[in-house]
C-alpha atoms as a PDB file:
ATOM      1  CA  MET A   1      69.850 137.600 103.214  1.00  0.00           C
ATOM      2  CA  LYS A   2      70.912 135.365 106.219  1.00  0.00           C
ATOM      3  CA  ARG A   3      70.156 132.186 103.814  1.00  0.00           C
ATOM      4  CA  LYS A   4      72.160 133.675 100.995  1.00  0.00           C
ATOM      5  CA  VAL A   5      75.290 133.980 103.095  1.00  0.00           C
ATOM      6  CA  LEU A   6      75.253 131.321 105.080  1.00  0.00           C
ATOM      7  CA  LEU A   7      74.219 129.581 101.178  1.00  0.00           C
ATOM      8  CA  PHE A   8      77.327 131.071 100.246  1.00  0.00           C
ATOM      9  CA  CYS A   9      79.811 130.152 102.896  1.00  0.00           C
ATOM     10  CA  ILE A  10      78.600 126.899 102.168  1.00  0.00           C
ATOM     11  CA  VAL A  11      79.524 126.896  98.882  1.00  0.00           C
ATOM     12  CA  MET A  12      83.015 128.526  99.586  1.00  0.00           C
ATOM     13  CA  VAL A  13      83.932 126.002 101.928  1.00  0.00           C
ATOM     14  CA  LEU A  14      83.815 123.096  99.818  1.00  0.00           C
ATOM     15  CA  ALA A  15      85.444 124.675  97.180  1.00  0.00           C
ATOM     16  CA  LEU A  16      88.143 125.435  99.284  1.00  0.00           C
ATOM     17  CA  ALA A  17      88.133 121.955  99.935  1.00  0.00           C
ATOM     18  CA  MET A  18      87.538 120.593  96.944  1.00  0.00           C
ATOM     19  CA  ALA A  19      90.677 122.499  95.608  1.00  0.00           C
ATOM     20  CA  ALA A  20      93.333 121.165  98.481  1.00  0.00           C
ATOM     21  CA  SER A  21      91.952 117.861  97.489  1.00  0.00           C
ATOM     22  CA  LEU A  22      92.625 118.109  93.873  1.00  0.00           C
ATOM     23  CA  SER A  23      96.227 120.071  94.992  1.00  0.00           C
ATOM     24  CA  LEU A  24      97.442 117.105  96.937  1.00  0.00           C
ATOM     25  CA  ALA A  25      96.467 114.332  94.911  1.00  0.00           C
ATOM     26  CA  ALA A  26      98.394 116.546  92.000  1.00  0.00           C
ATOM     27  CA  LYS A  27     101.357 116.172  94.496  1.00  0.00           C
ATOM     28  CA  LYS A  28     101.049 112.843  95.145  1.00  0.00           C
ATOM     29  CA  LYS A  29     101.105 112.153  91.390  1.00  0.00           C
ATOM     30  CA  ASP A  30     104.257 114.246  90.816  1.00  0.00           C
ATOM     31  CA  ALA A  31     105.764 112.775  94.393  1.00  0.00           C
ATOM     32  CA  GLY A  32     105.652 109.727  92.289  1.00  0.00           C
ATOM     33  CA  LYS A  33     106.799 110.810  88.982  1.00  0.00           C
ATOM     34  CA  GLY A  34     109.743 111.757  90.873  1.00  0.00           C
ATOM     35  CA  LYS A  35     110.203 108.381  92.529  1.00  0.00           C
ATOM     36  CA  LYS A  36     113.802 107.123  91.266  1.00  0.00           C
ATOM     37  CA  LEU A  37     114.244 103.676  90.570  1.00  0.00           C
ATOM     38  CA  VAL A  38     117.198 102.215  92.808  1.00  0.00           C
ATOM     39  CA  PHE A  39     118.682  98.869  91.735  1.00  0.00           C
ATOM     40  CA  GLY A  40     120.773  96.057  93.373  1.00  0.00           C
ATOM     41  CA  ASN A  41     123.635  94.540  92.204  1.00  0.00           C
ATOM     42  CA  VAL A  42     125.119  91.829  93.570  1.00  0.00           C
ATOM     43  CA  GLN A  43     128.567  90.164  92.313  1.00  0.00           C
ATOM     44  CA  PRO A  44     130.449  87.135  93.694  1.00  0.00           C
ATOM     45  CA  GLY A  45     134.266  88.590  93.639  1.00  0.00           C
ATOM     46  CA  PRO A  46     136.781  91.000  92.467  1.00  0.00           C
ATOM     47  CA  ASP A  47     137.870  89.658  89.719  1.00  0.00           C
ATOM     48  CA  PRO A  48     137.887  92.171  85.778  1.00  0.00           C
ATOM     49  CA  TRP A  49     134.536  90.181  84.674  1.00  0.00           C
ATOM     50  CA  TYR A  50     132.278  90.846  87.798  1.00  0.00           C
ATOM     51  CA  GLN A  51     134.654  94.245  87.836  1.00  0.00           C
ATOM     52  CA  TYR A  52     133.359  95.211  84.027  1.00  0.00           C
ATOM     53  CA  SER A  53     130.082  94.171  84.290  1.00  0.00           C
ATOM     54  CA  VAL A  54     129.326  96.390  87.137  1.00  0.00           C
ATOM     55  CA  GLU A  55     130.644  99.483  85.852  1.00  0.00           C
ATOM     56  CA  ALA A  56     128.648  98.753  82.314  1.00  0.00           C
ATOM     57  CA  PHE A  57     125.582  98.094  84.727  1.00  0.00           C
ATOM     58  CA  LYS A  58     125.921 101.473  86.168  1.00  0.00           C
ATOM     59  CA  HIS A  59     126.395 103.283  83.366  1.00  0.00           C
ATOM     60  CA  PHE A  60     123.422 102.288  81.620  1.00  0.00           C
ATOM     61  CA  ALA A  61     121.789 102.914  85.138  1.00  0.00           C
ATOM     62  CA  GLU A  62     123.468 106.641  85.115  1.00  0.00           C
ATOM     63  CA  LYS A  63     121.970 107.054  81.587  1.00  0.00           C
ATOM     64  CA  ASN A  64     118.534 106.597  82.431  1.00  0.00           C
ATOM     65  CA  GLY A  65     118.233 107.605  85.619  1.00  0.00           C
ATOM     66  CA  VAL A  66     118.943 105.039  88.244  1.00  0.00           C
ATOM     67  CA  GLU A  67     120.447 104.555  91.671  1.00  0.00           C
ATOM     68  CA  VAL A  68     122.602 100.972  92.151  1.00  0.00           C
ATOM     69  CA  ILE A  69     123.055  99.696  94.849  1.00  0.00           C
ATOM     70  CA  TYR A  70     125.957  96.955  93.915  1.00  0.00           C
ATOM     71  CA  LEU A  71     127.486  94.529  96.766  1.00  0.00           C
ATOM     72  CA  ASN A  72     130.775  92.187  96.398  1.00  0.00           C
ATOM     73  CA  SER A  73     130.509  89.236  98.330  1.00  0.00           C
ATOM     74  CA  GLU A  74     134.520  88.687  97.694  1.00  0.00           C
ATOM     75  CA  TYR A  75     134.051  84.974  97.323  1.00  0.00           C
ATOM     76  CA  ASN A  76     132.130  84.580 100.850  1.00  0.00           C
ATOM     77  CA  GLN A  77     128.783  82.305 100.717  1.00  0.00           C
ATOM     78  CA  ASP A  78     127.501  83.783 103.931  1.00  0.00           C
ATOM     79  CA  LYS A  79     128.214  87.290 103.467  1.00  0.00           C
ATOM     80  CA  ASP A  80     127.046  87.166  99.700  1.00  0.00           C
ATOM     81  CA  ILE A  81     123.648  85.772 101.735  1.00  0.00           C
ATOM     82  CA  ALA A  82     123.881  88.780 103.522  1.00  0.00           C
ATOM     83  CA  ASN A  83     124.289  91.210 100.505  1.00  0.00           C
ATOM     84  CA  VAL A  84     121.157  89.876  98.601  1.00  0.00           C
ATOM     85  CA  GLU A  85     119.256  89.734 102.190  1.00  0.00           C
ATOM     86  CA  ASP A  86     120.704  94.180 102.548  1.00  0.00           C
ATOM     87  CA  LEU A  87     119.242  94.934  99.602  1.00  0.00           C
ATOM     88  CA  ILE A  88     116.353  93.144  99.791  1.00  0.00           C
ATOM     89  CA  ALA A  89     115.298  94.747 103.072  1.00  0.00           C
ATOM     90  CA  LYS A  90     115.904  98.228 101.432  1.00  0.00           C
ATOM     91  CA  LYS A  91     113.577  97.569  99.358  1.00  0.00           C
ATOM     92  CA  VAL A  92     115.256  97.841  95.986  1.00  0.00           C
ATOM     93  CA  ASP A  93     112.958  97.788  92.181  1.00  0.00           C
ATOM     94  CA  ALA A  94     115.077  94.954  90.473  1.00  0.00           C
ATOM     95  CA  LEU A  95     117.761  92.897  92.302  1.00  0.00           C
ATOM     96  CA  VAL A  96     120.905  91.895  89.513  1.00  0.00           C
ATOM     97  CA  VAL A  97     122.792  88.957  91.213  1.00  0.00           C
ATOM     98  CA  PHE A  98     125.328  86.294  89.963  1.00  0.00           C
ATOM     99  CA  PRO A  99     124.705  83.705  92.527  1.00  0.00           C
ATOM    100  CA  MET A 100     128.022  81.902  93.300  1.00  0.00           C
ATOM    101  CA  THR A 101     126.043  78.664  92.891  1.00  0.00           C
ATOM    102  CA  ALA A 102     122.894  77.395  91.867  1.00  0.00           C
ATOM    103  CA  ASP A 103     120.877  76.723  95.262  1.00  0.00           C
ATOM    104  CA  LEU A 104     122.018  79.595  96.574  1.00  0.00           C
ATOM    105  CA  GLY A 105     120.513  81.431  94.002  1.00  0.00           C
ATOM    106  CA  GLN A 106     117.079  79.423  93.643  1.00  0.00           C
ATOM    107  CA  GLN A 107     117.071  80.459  97.635  1.00  0.00           C
ATOM    108  CA  TYR A 108     117.763  84.581  96.152  1.00  0.00           C
ATOM    109  CA  ALA A 109     114.733  83.432  94.188  1.00  0.00           C
ATOM    110  CA  GLN A 110     112.399  82.882  97.166  1.00  0.00           C
ATOM    111  CA  LYS A 111     113.557  85.327  99.114  1.00  0.00           C
ATOM    112  CA  ALA A 112     112.606  87.762  96.296  1.00  0.00           C
ATOM    113  CA  ASN A 113     109.253  85.995  95.534  1.00  0.00           C
ATOM    114  CA  LYS A 114     108.388  87.147  99.146  1.00  0.00           C
ATOM    115  CA  ALA A 115     109.188  90.478  99.167  1.00  0.00           C
ATOM    116  CA  GLY A 116     107.263  91.434  95.879  1.00  0.00           C
ATOM    117  CA  ILE A 117     111.135  92.206  94.290  1.00  0.00           C
ATOM    118  CA  PRO A 118     111.615  91.125  90.529  1.00  0.00           C
ATOM    119  CA  ILE A 119     115.181  89.238  90.556  1.00  0.00           C
ATOM    120  CA  ILE A 120     117.425  89.089  87.821  1.00  0.00           C
ATOM    121  CA  PHE A 121     121.020  86.276  87.304  1.00  0.00           C
ATOM    122  CA  GLU A 122     123.867  86.661  85.562  1.00  0.00           C
ATOM    123  CA  ALA A 123     125.479  83.699  84.406  1.00  0.00           C
ATOM    124  CA  VAL A 124     123.897  80.851  86.763  1.00  0.00           C
ATOM    125  CA  THR A 125     120.910  79.296  86.363  1.00  0.00           C
ATOM    126  CA  PRO A 126     118.768  78.992  89.799  1.00  0.00           C
ATOM    127  CA  ALA A 127     118.648  74.965  90.917  1.00  0.00           C
ATOM    128  CA  SER A 128     115.039  74.157  90.348  1.00  0.00           C
ATOM    129  CA  GLY A 129     112.866  74.849  93.566  1.00  0.00           C
ATOM    130  CA  PRO A 130     109.389  76.799  93.932  1.00  0.00           C
ATOM    131  CA  GLY A 131     111.573  79.995  93.285  1.00  0.00           C
ATOM    132  CA  GLU A 132     111.150  82.382  90.376  1.00  0.00           C
ATOM    133  CA  TRP A 133     112.821  85.016  88.488  1.00  0.00           C
ATOM    134  CA  VAL A 134     112.734  87.594  85.258  1.00  0.00           C
ATOM    135  CA  SER A 135     115.730  86.101  83.615  1.00  0.00           C
ATOM    136  CA  VAL A 136     119.029  84.651  83.452  1.00  0.00           C
ATOM    137  CA  VAL A 137     121.894  86.708  81.008  1.00  0.00           C
ATOM    138  CA  SER A 138     124.156  84.546  80.460  1.00  0.00           C
ATOM    139  CA  PHE A 139     126.726  83.361  77.692  1.00  0.00           C
ATOM    140  CA  ALA A 140     126.248  80.072  76.165  1.00  0.00           C
ATOM    141  CA  TYR A 141     129.445  78.507  77.865  1.00  0.00           C
ATOM    142  CA  LYS A 142     128.364  75.427  76.260  1.00  0.00           C
ATOM    143  CA  MET A 143     128.723  76.945  72.547  1.00  0.00           C
ATOM    144  CA  LEU A 144     131.873  79.012  74.304  1.00  0.00           C
ATOM    145  CA  GLY A 145     133.717  75.360  75.252  1.00  0.00           C
ATOM    146  CA  GLU A 146     132.609  73.915  71.054  1.00  0.00           C
ATOM    147  CA  GLN A 147     133.975  76.779  69.641  1.00  0.00           C
ATOM    148  CA  ILE A 148     137.439  75.917  71.680  1.00  0.00           C
ATOM    149  CA  ALA A 149     137.071  72.289  70.358  1.00  0.00           C
ATOM    150  CA  GLN A 150     136.410  73.014  66.654  1.00  0.00           C
ATOM    151  CA  TYR A 151     139.390  75.484  67.092  1.00  0.00           C
ATOM    152  CA  ALA A 152     141.321  72.259  69.038  1.00  0.00           C
ATOM    153  CA  ASN A 153     140.516  70.210  66.474  1.00  0.00           C
ATOM    154  CA  GLU A 154     141.133  71.691  63.123  1.00  0.00           C
ATOM    155  CA  LYS A 155     144.532  73.594  64.140  1.00  0.00           C
ATOM    156  CA  TYR A 156     146.043  70.532  66.164  1.00  0.00           C
ATOM    157  CA  PRO A 157     144.204  67.228  64.988  1.00  0.00           C
ATOM    158  CA  ASN A 158     146.328  65.092  67.052  1.00  0.00           C
ATOM    159  CA  GLY A 159     147.386  67.210  69.441  1.00  0.00           C
ATOM    160  CA  ASN A 160     147.254  66.846  73.779  1.00  0.00           C
ATOM    161  CA  LEU A 161     144.568  69.323  75.145  1.00  0.00           C
ATOM    162  CA  VAL A 162     145.145  70.326  79.030  1.00  0.00           C
ATOM    163  CA  TYR A 163     141.849  72.700  80.102  1.00  0.00           C
ATOM    164  CA  ILE A 164     142.887  74.816  83.534  1.00  0.00           C
ATOM    165  CA  THR A 165     139.226  75.424  84.722  1.00  0.00           C
ATOM    166  CA  GLY A 166     137.847  77.603  86.403  1.00  0.00           C
ATOM    167  CA  LYS A 167     135.515  77.394  89.999  1.00  0.00           C
ATOM    168  CA  PRO A 168     133.382  74.415  89.086  1.00  0.00           C
ATOM    169  CA  GLY A 169     129.608  74.223  90.964  1.00  0.00           C
ATOM    170  CA  THR A 170     128.047  77.477  89.318  1.00  0.00           C
ATOM    171  CA  GLY A 171     127.215  75.755  85.818  1.00  0.00           C
ATOM    172  CA  VAL A 172     128.835  77.829  84.383  1.00  0.00           C
ATOM    173  CA  VAL A 173     131.985  75.616  84.191  1.00  0.00           C
ATOM    174  CA  GLU A 174     130.210  72.531  83.590  1.00  0.00           C
ATOM    175  CA  GLN A 175     128.619  73.567  80.451  1.00  0.00           C
ATOM    176  CA  TYR A 176     132.004  74.688  79.120  1.00  0.00           C
ATOM    177  CA  VAL A 177     133.395  70.708  80.016  1.00  0.00           C
ATOM    178  CA  GLU A 178     130.046  69.522  78.105  1.00  0.00           C
ATOM    179  CA  GLY A 179     130.369  71.805  74.937  1.00  0.00           C
ATOM    180  CA  LEU A 180     134.766  70.862  74.865  1.00  0.00           C
ATOM    181  CA  THR A 181     134.544  67.301  75.912  1.00  0.00           C
ATOM    182  CA  GLY A 182     130.695  66.200  73.528  1.00  0.00           C
ATOM    183  CA  LYS A 183     132.040  68.342  70.290  1.00  0.00           C
ATOM    184  CA  LEU A 184     135.363  66.553  70.653  1.00  0.00           C
ATOM    185  CA  LYS A 185     133.557  63.474  70.317  1.00  0.00           C
ATOM    186  CA  ALA A 186     131.445  64.924  67.661  1.00  0.00           C
ATOM    187  CA  LEU A 187     133.735  65.585  65.734  1.00  0.00           C
ATOM    188  CA  ASN A 188     134.852  61.814  66.390  1.00  0.00           C
ATOM    189  CA  SER A 189     138.806  64.268  67.206  1.00  0.00           C
ATOM    190  CA  LYS A 190     141.752  62.742  68.021  1.00  0.00           C
ATOM    191  CA  VAL A 191     142.603  66.013  70.231  1.00  0.00           C
ATOM    192  CA  LYS A 192     143.678  64.315  73.575  1.00  0.00           C
ATOM    193  CA  ILE A 193     142.678  66.063  77.216  1.00  0.00           C
ATOM    194  CA  VAL A 194     145.132  65.019  79.071  1.00  0.00           C
ATOM    195  CA  SER A 195     144.789  66.721  81.934  1.00  0.00           C
ATOM    196  CA  GLN A 196     141.858  68.805  83.575  1.00  0.00           C
ATOM    197  CA  GLN A 197     142.045  70.880  86.469  1.00  0.00           C
ATOM    198  CA  PRO A 198     140.356  73.165  88.539  1.00  0.00           C
ATOM    199  CA  THR A 199     141.468  76.611  89.871  1.00  0.00           C
ATOM    200  CA  ASP A 200     139.092  80.074  91.332  1.00  0.00           C
ATOM    201  CA  TRP A 201     139.478  81.853  88.038  1.00  0.00           C
ATOM    202  CA  ASN A 202     143.162  82.705  90.223  1.00  0.00           C
ATOM    203  CA  ARG A 203     146.291  83.721  87.691  1.00  0.00           C
ATOM    204  CA  GLN A 204     148.147  82.423  90.796  1.00  0.00           C
ATOM    205  CA  GLN A 205     146.574  78.680  90.310  1.00  0.00           C
ATOM    206  CA  ALA A 206     146.961  78.955  86.586  1.00  0.00           C
ATOM    207  CA  MET A 207     150.516  79.044  86.697  1.00  0.00           C
ATOM    208  CA  THR A 208     151.272  76.283  89.416  1.00  0.00           C
ATOM    209  CA  ILE A 209     149.286  74.028  87.482  1.00  0.00           C
ATOM    210  CA  THR A 210     150.629  74.633  84.336  1.00  0.00           C
ATOM    211  CA  GLN A 211     154.464  74.634  86.343  1.00  0.00           C
ATOM    212  CA  ASN A 212     153.808  70.936  87.396  1.00  0.00           C
ATOM    213  CA  LEU A 213     152.148  69.656  84.490  1.00  0.00           C
ATOM    214  CA  LEU A 214     155.920  70.863  82.893  1.00  0.00           C
ATOM    215  CA  GLN A 215     157.722  69.473  85.713  1.00  0.00           C
ATOM    216  CA  SER A 216     155.965  66.265  84.908  1.00  0.00           C
ATOM    217  CA  GLY A 217     156.664  65.300  81.429  1.00  0.00           C
ATOM    218  CA  THR A 218     153.217  65.925  80.374  1.00  0.00           C
ATOM    219  CA  LYS A 219     153.021  66.279  76.781  1.00  0.00           C
ATOM    220  CA  ILE A 220     151.391  69.002  76.081  1.00  0.00           C
ATOM    221  CA  ASP A 221     150.359  70.810  72.398  1.00  0.00           C
ATOM    222  CA  ILE A 222     147.319  73.813  73.351  1.00  0.00           C
ATOM    223  CA  ILE A 223     146.530  74.915  76.898  1.00  0.00           C
ATOM    224  CA  PHE A 224     143.115  76.231  77.158  1.00  0.00           C
ATOM    225  CA  ALA A 225     142.118  78.604  80.270  1.00  0.00           C
ATOM    226  CA  ASN A 226     139.511  79.439  81.554  1.00  0.00           C
ATOM    227  CA  ASN A 227     139.959  82.905  81.635  1.00  0.00           C
ATOM    228  CA  GLU A 228     142.429  85.727  79.871  1.00  0.00           C
ATOM    229  CA  ASP A 229     144.025  86.790  83.267  1.00  0.00           C
ATOM    230  CA  MET A 230     145.155  83.170  84.291  1.00  0.00           C
ATOM    231  CA  ALA A 231     146.057  83.201  80.345  1.00  0.00           C
ATOM    232  CA  GLY A 232     148.036  85.810  80.744  1.00  0.00           C
ATOM    233  CA  GLY A 233     149.677  83.460  83.865  1.00  0.00           C
ATOM    234  CA  VAL A 234     150.331  80.167  81.563  1.00  0.00           C
ATOM    235  CA  ILE A 235     152.097  82.424  79.020  1.00  0.00           C
ATOM    236  CA  GLN A 236     154.099  83.466  81.722  1.00  0.00           C
ATOM    237  CA  ILE A 237     155.276  80.081  82.597  1.00  0.00           C
ATOM    238  CA  LEU A 238     156.120  78.924  79.699  1.00  0.00           C
ATOM    239  CA  LYS A 239     157.954  81.902  78.695  1.00  0.00           C
ATOM    240  CA  GLU A 240     160.348  80.754  81.997  1.00  0.00           C
ATOM    241  CA  ALA A 241     160.512  77.287  81.230  1.00  0.00           C
ATOM    242  CA  GLY A 242     161.359  77.851  77.534  1.00  0.00           C
ATOM    243  CA  LYS A 243     158.245  76.292  75.630  1.00  0.00           C
ATOM    244  CA  PHE A 244     156.697  79.938  74.564  1.00  0.00           C
ATOM    245  CA  GLY A 245     155.397  78.812  70.759  1.00  0.00           C
ATOM    246  CA  GLU A 246     155.272  75.347  71.532  1.00  0.00           C
ATOM    247  CA  ILE A 247     152.869  74.950  73.719  1.00  0.00           C
ATOM    248  CA  ALA A 248     149.716  76.943  72.140  1.00  0.00           C
ATOM    249  CA  VAL A 249     147.442  79.163  74.986  1.00  0.00           C
ATOM    250  CA  VAL A 250     143.663  79.809  74.369  1.00  0.00           C
ATOM    251  CA  ALA A 251     141.392  81.275  76.552  1.00  0.00           C
ATOM    252  CA  THR A 252     137.802  82.397  77.002  1.00  0.00           C
ATOM    253  CA  GLY A 253     136.781  86.119  77.229  1.00  0.00           C
ATOM    254  CA  GLY A 254     138.167  89.125  74.752  1.00  0.00           C
ATOM    255  CA  SER A 255     138.703  91.306  78.469  1.00  0.00           C
ATOM    256  CA  PRO A 256     141.395  94.479  76.906  1.00  0.00           C
ATOM    257  CA  GLU A 257     144.495  91.892  78.741  1.00  0.00           C
ATOM    258  CA  GLY A 258     143.419  88.948  76.241  1.00  0.00           C
ATOM    259  CA  ILE A 259     142.807  91.513  73.377  1.00  0.00           C
ATOM    260  CA  ALA A 260     146.615  92.574  74.100  1.00  0.00           C
ATOM    261  CA  LEU A 261     148.041  89.724  73.934  1.00  0.00           C
ATOM    262  CA  ILE A 262     146.293  88.403  70.681  1.00  0.00           C
ATOM    263  CA  LYS A 263     147.801  91.342  69.307  1.00  0.00           C
ATOM    264  CA  ALA A 264     150.657  90.661  70.199  1.00  0.00           C
ATOM    265  CA  GLY A 265     151.325  86.947  69.300  1.00  0.00           C
ATOM    266  CA  GLU A 266     150.917  85.602  73.185  1.00  0.00           C
ATOM    267  CA  LEU A 267     147.352  84.463  73.145  1.00  0.00           C
ATOM    268  CA  ASN A 268     146.639  82.003  69.740  1.00  0.00           C
ATOM    269  CA  ALA A 269     142.366  82.214  70.408  1.00  0.00           C
ATOM    270  CA  THR A 270     139.988  82.945  73.032  1.00  0.00           C
ATOM    271  CA  ALA A 271     136.479  83.036  72.912  1.00  0.00           C
ATOM    272  CA  ALA A 272     134.627  86.230  72.915  1.00  0.00           C
ATOM    273  CA  ALA A 273     132.524  86.693  75.399  1.00  0.00           C
ATOM    274  CA  SER A 274     131.895  90.577  76.386  1.00  0.00           C
ATOM    275  CA  ALA A 275     131.883  91.226  79.973  1.00  0.00           C
ATOM    276  CA  GLY A 276     130.449  94.576  79.798  1.00  0.00           C
ATOM    277  CA  LEU A 277     127.625  93.609  77.327  1.00  0.00           C
ATOM    278  CA  GLU A 278     126.532  90.941  80.127  1.00  0.00           C
ATOM    279  CA  GLY A 279     126.270  93.394  82.302  1.00  0.00           C
ATOM    280  CA  ALA A 280     124.397  95.919  80.102  1.00  0.00           C
ATOM    281  CA  LEU A 281     121.965  93.204  79.215  1.00  0.00           C
ATOM    282  CA  CYS A 282     121.090  92.903  82.835  1.00  0.00           C
ATOM    283  CA  PHE A 283     120.226  96.302  83.179  1.00  0.00           C
ATOM    284  CA  LYS A 284     118.329  96.232  80.359  1.00  0.00           C
ATOM    285  CA  ALA A 285     116.422  93.073  81.384  1.00  0.00           C
ATOM    286  CA  ALA A 286     115.848  95.061  85.379  1.00  0.00           C
ATOM    287  CA  MET A 287     114.956  98.359  83.195  1.00  0.00           C
ATOM    288  CA  ASP A 288     111.909  96.632  81.044  1.00  0.00           C
ATOM    289  CA  THR A 289     110.708  94.736  83.908  1.00  0.00           C
ATOM    290  CA  VAL A 290     109.705  97.505  86.091  1.00  0.00           C
ATOM    291  CA  SER A 291     108.880  99.299  82.708  1.00  0.00           C
ATOM    292  CA  LYS A 292     106.712  96.532  82.222  1.00  0.00           C
ATOM    293  CA  LYS A 293     108.234  95.447  79.010  1.00  0.00           C
ATOM    294  CA  LYS A 294     108.617  91.681  77.798  1.00  0.00           C
ATOM    295  CA  VAL A 295     111.266  89.720  79.539  1.00  0.00           C
ATOM    296  CA  PRO A 296     112.478  86.580  77.467  1.00  0.00           C
ATOM    297  CA  ALA A 297     113.831  83.508  80.470  1.00  0.00           C
ATOM    298  CA  VAL A 298     117.384  82.854  78.822  1.00  0.00           C
ATOM    299  CA  ILE A 299     118.909  86.405  77.195  1.00  0.00           C
ATOM    300  CA  ASN A 300     122.780  84.920  75.041  1.00  0.00           C
ATOM    301  CA  PRO A 301     124.676  87.948  74.570  1.00  0.00           C
ATOM    302  CA  PRO A 302     126.209  86.860  71.142  1.00  0.00           C
ATOM    303  CA  VAL A 303     130.185  85.422  71.030  1.00  0.00           C
ATOM    304  CA  MET A 304     132.771  84.909  68.689  1.00  0.00           C
ATOM    305  CA  MET A 305     135.841  82.381  68.525  1.00  0.00           C
ATOM    306  CA  ALA A 306     138.419  85.418  68.046  1.00  0.00           C
ATOM    307  CA  THR A 307     142.434  85.140  66.256  1.00  0.00           C
ATOM    308  CA  LYS A 308     145.045  87.954  65.686  1.00  0.00           C
ATOM    309  CA  ASP A 309     142.850  88.274  61.891  1.00  0.00           C
ATOM    310  CA  ASN A 310     139.088  89.150  63.646  1.00  0.00           C
ATOM    311  CA  ILE A 311     140.800  90.705  66.776  1.00  0.00           C
ATOM    312  CA  GLU A 312     139.118  94.020  65.959  1.00  0.00           C
ATOM    313  CA  LYS A 313     135.484  92.942  65.205  1.00  0.00           C
ATOM    314  CA  ALA A 314     135.108  91.672  69.072  1.00  0.00           C
ATOM    315  CA  ILE A 315     133.035  93.258  71.354  1.00  0.00           C
ATOM    316  CA  THR A 316     134.700  94.913  74.451  1.00  0.00           C
ATOM    317  CA  TRP A 317     134.413  94.450  77.476  1.00  0.00           C
ATOM    318  CA  GLU A 318     134.977  98.389  77.842  1.00  0.00           C
ATOM    319  CA  VAL A 319     131.394 100.824  77.396  1.00  0.00           C
ATOM    320  CA  ASN A 320     132.628 102.761  74.060  1.00  0.00           C
ATOM    321  CA  ASP A 321     129.977 104.013  71.277  1.00  0.00           C
ATOM    322  CA  ALA A 322     130.201 100.318  69.634  1.00  0.00           C
ATOM    323  CA  LEU A 323     128.833  98.955  72.923  1.00  0.00           C
ATOM    324  CA  VAL A 324     126.139 101.667  73.570  1.00  0.00           C
ATOM    325  CA  LYS A 325     125.150 101.012  70.208  1.00  0.00           C
ATOM    326  CA  LEU A 326     124.604  97.269  70.583  1.00  0.00           C
ATOM    327  CA  VAL A 327     122.841  97.458  73.628  1.00  0.00           C
ATOM    328  CA  GLU A 328     120.153 100.088  72.862  1.00  0.00           C
ATOM    329  CA  GLY A 329     119.658  98.937  70.151  1.00  0.00           C
ATOM    330  CA  TYR A 330     119.139  95.219  71.171  1.00  0.00           C
ATOM    331  CA  LYS A 331     116.502  92.837  70.371  1.00  0.00           C
ATOM    332  CA  TYR A 332     115.672  89.971  72.471  1.00  0.00           C
END
């Protein structure tokens, strides 16, 4: 009898231990399921492009239940490095960075690799090196430069063109230059680039450059400003100098300001590339990566040359139903 009681007690203890073990395993499994993904996003500055990109990124993150830690480097390289290191230390699940230079991009790739964090770059392809990355989400800036060249050649076949660039060093401006000059050469165009001057993507700098060129007496038929905020400043100076309507202005972007300028007949054309779309596709690349889906090494969002005749077809920078539909149905 005592043996039966003892055996019964042993069986009950084992059964309770097994039940406790299964319960603990189930709790751990449920906890794993409930873990919220956290993505890091670092942008180089406060310009509208970066703001719209991040807003789209956050929109799709919220839709998918992903937390976002966003840091802005305010064009300070030391702060940029610190921001990336901070997010790596926080062990985010994926990291999206718009690096200030290609060399910094390579450094960030190495740091992320060491931490085992997948990294996606926005707009800038890192320099060569041992660091690896998942993907670069970037408009084909060379193609945008080619579109500007094609437009200038068709509308102003013998014109003098001024190119007010963004900030060189990341490879973006360099691609624009390659596309613009290369296409003009391929077309055997008589369009002449009479001045090419850099800015920090800054409106006031573009205004100063335009003012100085007008005062110098340089003959200008068309000004290409590298974003629409700069183009707005150029237009302002042309109006003040009594040159508005005599000198055409083209830009890149498709921003709300740019669309308004085109509709008002003040901006002649823009190579439209949606900052919101770029940011949204950065999120998609990060989400697909952590979901173990295949992501291409390069993602080039669609672009178009927009004028008053077709501006309604341009992909907006703001998140709206059309952008959501495009991103959710986007095929690499």
